């Protein structure tokens, strides 16, 4: 995840926005998903995801958790110092 976020941050122009949505929870591993077969999943808690994004050089502009509390959506921008 760190490498993917690093590349994403590097592609953002000044003032560019990055929006990421993730499933909330504490599961990490493989699951069988219908016709698409076996897939790898990692669920997050909001605080951990925000920490990973900030560590990667993003500033959180807006954080949203769905009413069902099963997804979080974060809007970020590249930190000026990064």
C-alpha atoms as a PDB file:
ATOM      1  CA  UNK A   1       0.000   0.000   0.000  1.00  0.00           C
ATOM      2  CA  UNK A   2       2.835   2.393   0.835  1.00  0.00           C
ATOM      3  CA  UNK A   3       4.352   2.122  -2.643  1.00  0.00           C
ATOM      4  CA  UNK A   4       0.977   2.638  -4.335  1.00  0.00           C
ATOM      5  CA  UNK A   5       0.306   5.728  -2.209  1.00  0.00           C
ATOM      6  CA  UNK A   6       3.792   7.070  -2.944  1.00  0.00           C
ATOM      7  CA  UNK A   7       3.202   6.780  -6.692  1.00  0.00           C
ATOM      8  CA  UNK A   8      -0.250   8.329  -6.350  1.00  0.00           C
ATOM      9  CA  UNK A   9       1.145  11.291  -4.399  1.00  0.00           C
ATOM     10  CA  UNK A  10       3.877  11.816  -6.979  1.00  0.00           C
ATOM     11  CA  UNK A  11       1.324  12.092  -9.788  1.00  0.00           C
ATOM     12  CA  UNK A  12      -0.747  14.791  -8.084  1.00  0.00           C
ATOM     13  CA  UNK A  13      -0.245  18.326  -9.271  1.00  0.00           C
ATOM     14  CA  UNK A  14      -0.270  21.261  -6.857  1.00  0.00           C
ATOM     15  CA  UNK A  15      -3.798  21.463  -5.465  1.00  0.00           C
ATOM     16  CA  UNK A  16      -4.700  18.050  -6.918  1.00  0.00           C
ATOM     17  CA  UNK A  17      -7.120  15.872  -4.991  1.00  0.00           C
ATOM     18  CA  UNK A  18      -7.031  12.160  -4.234  1.00  0.00           C
ATOM     19  CA  UNK A  19     -10.182  10.412  -3.058  1.00  0.00           C
ATOM     20  CA  UNK A  20     -10.013   6.913  -1.595  1.00  0.00           C
ATOM     21  CA  UNK A  21     -12.799   4.696  -0.314  1.00  0.00           C
ATOM     22  CA  UNK A  22     -12.192   1.604   1.790  1.00  0.00           C
ATOM     23  CA  UNK A  23     -14.226  -1.077   3.512  1.00  0.00           C
ATOM     24  CA  UNK A  24     -14.193  -0.725   7.292  1.00  0.00           C
ATOM     25  CA  UNK A  25     -13.389  -3.698   9.473  1.00  0.00           C
ATOM     26  CA  UNK A  26     -10.534  -5.822  10.766  1.00  0.00           C
ATOM     27  CA  UNK A  27     -10.301  -8.569   8.121  1.00  0.00           C
ATOM     28  CA  UNK A  28      -7.265  -9.243   5.956  1.00  0.00           C
ATOM     29  CA  UNK A  29      -6.974 -12.280   3.706  1.00  0.00           C
ATOM     30  CA  UNK A  30      -8.346 -14.261   0.777  1.00  0.00           C
ATOM     31  CA  UNK A  31     -12.055 -14.748   0.055  1.00  0.00           C
ATOM     32  CA  UNK A  32     -14.014 -16.524  -2.625  1.00  0.00           C
ATOM     33  CA  UNK A  33     -16.167 -13.940  -4.447  1.00  0.00           C
ATOM     34  CA  UNK A  34     -18.719 -15.509  -6.805  1.00  0.00           C
ATOM     35  CA  UNK A  35     -17.744 -15.618 -10.455  1.00  0.00           C
ATOM     36  CA  UNK A  36     -14.640 -13.477  -9.922  1.00  0.00           C
ATOM     37  CA  UNK A  37     -12.983 -16.245  -7.922  1.00  0.00           C
ATOM     38  CA  UNK A  38     -10.522 -15.831  -5.121  1.00  0.00           C
ATOM     39  CA  UNK A  39      -9.651 -12.234  -4.163  1.00  0.00           C
ATOM     40  CA  UNK A  40      -7.482 -10.634  -1.498  1.00  0.00           C
ATOM     41  CA  UNK A  41      -9.108  -8.113   0.867  1.00  0.00           C
ATOM     42  CA  UNK A  42      -7.837  -5.752   3.543  1.00  0.00           C
ATOM     43  CA  UNK A  43     -10.356  -3.828   5.589  1.00  0.00           C
ATOM     44  CA  UNK A  44      -9.356  -0.764   7.615  1.00  0.00           C
ATOM     45  CA  UNK A  45     -10.415   1.283  10.590  1.00  0.00           C
ATOM     46  CA  UNK A  46     -10.667   5.008   9.858  1.00  0.00           C
ATOM     47  CA  UNK A  47      -7.839   6.075  12.181  1.00  0.00           C
ATOM     48  CA  UNK A  48      -5.349   3.578  10.716  1.00  0.00           C
ATOM     49  CA  UNK A  49      -6.189   4.529   7.139  1.00  0.00           C
ATOM     50  CA  UNK A  50      -5.829   8.231   7.918  1.00  0.00           C
ATOM     51  CA  UNK A  51      -2.455   7.566   9.588  1.00  0.00           C
ATOM     52  CA  UNK A  52      -1.167   5.624   6.557  1.00  0.00           C
ATOM     53  CA  UNK A  53      -2.266   8.418   4.213  1.00  0.00           C
ATOM     54  CA  UNK A  54      -0.658  11.124   6.352  1.00  0.00           C
ATOM     55  CA  UNK A  55       2.556   9.095   6.610  1.00  0.00           C
ATOM     56  CA  UNK A  56       2.576   8.857   2.796  1.00  0.00           C
ATOM     57  CA  UNK A  57       2.464  12.658   2.504  1.00  0.00           C
ATOM     58  CA  UNK A  58      -1.259  13.357   2.149  1.00  0.00           C
ATOM     59  CA  UNK A  59      -3.319  15.900   4.065  1.00  0.00           C
ATOM     60  CA  UNK A  60      -6.878  14.807   4.883  1.00  0.00           C
ATOM     61  CA  UNK A  61      -9.391  17.410   3.670  1.00  0.00           C
ATOM     62  CA  UNK A  62     -12.602  15.502   4.333  1.00  0.00           C
ATOM     63  CA  UNK A  63     -13.435  12.162   5.950  1.00  0.00           C
ATOM     64  CA  UNK A  64     -16.807  10.491   5.566  1.00  0.00           C
ATOM     65  CA  UNK A  65     -18.167   7.233   6.969  1.00  0.00           C
ATOM     66  CA  UNK A  66     -21.276   5.814   5.325  1.00  0.00           C
ATOM     67  CA  UNK A  67     -24.474   5.738   7.428  1.00  0.00           C
ATOM     68  CA  UNK A  68     -24.176   1.954   7.597  1.00  0.00           C
ATOM     69  CA  UNK A  69     -20.624   2.462   8.987  1.00  0.00           C
ATOM     70  CA  UNK A  70     -19.166  -0.072   6.570  1.00  0.00           C
ATOM     71  CA  UNK A  71     -17.160   2.230   4.265  1.00  0.00           C
ATOM     72  CA  UNK A  72     -15.002   5.287   4.744  1.00  0.00           C
ATOM     73  CA  UNK A  73     -14.273   7.821   2.015  1.00  0.00           C
ATOM     74  CA  UNK A  74     -11.381  10.239   2.403  1.00  0.00           C
ATOM     75  CA  UNK A  75     -10.566  13.236   0.252  1.00  0.00           C
ATOM     76  CA  UNK A  76      -6.917  14.239   0.464  1.00  0.00           C
ATOM     77  CA  UNK A  77      -4.352  16.495  -1.140  1.00  0.00           C
ATOM     78  CA  UNK A  78      -0.598  16.323  -1.377  1.00  0.00           C
ATOM     79  CA  UNK A  79       1.155  17.986   1.559  1.00  0.00           C
ATOM     80  CA  UNK A  80       2.981  21.140   0.481  1.00  0.00           C
ATOM     81  CA  UNK A  81       6.242  19.991   2.044  1.00  0.00           C
ATOM     82  CA  UNK A  82       6.150  16.644   0.199  1.00  0.00           C
END
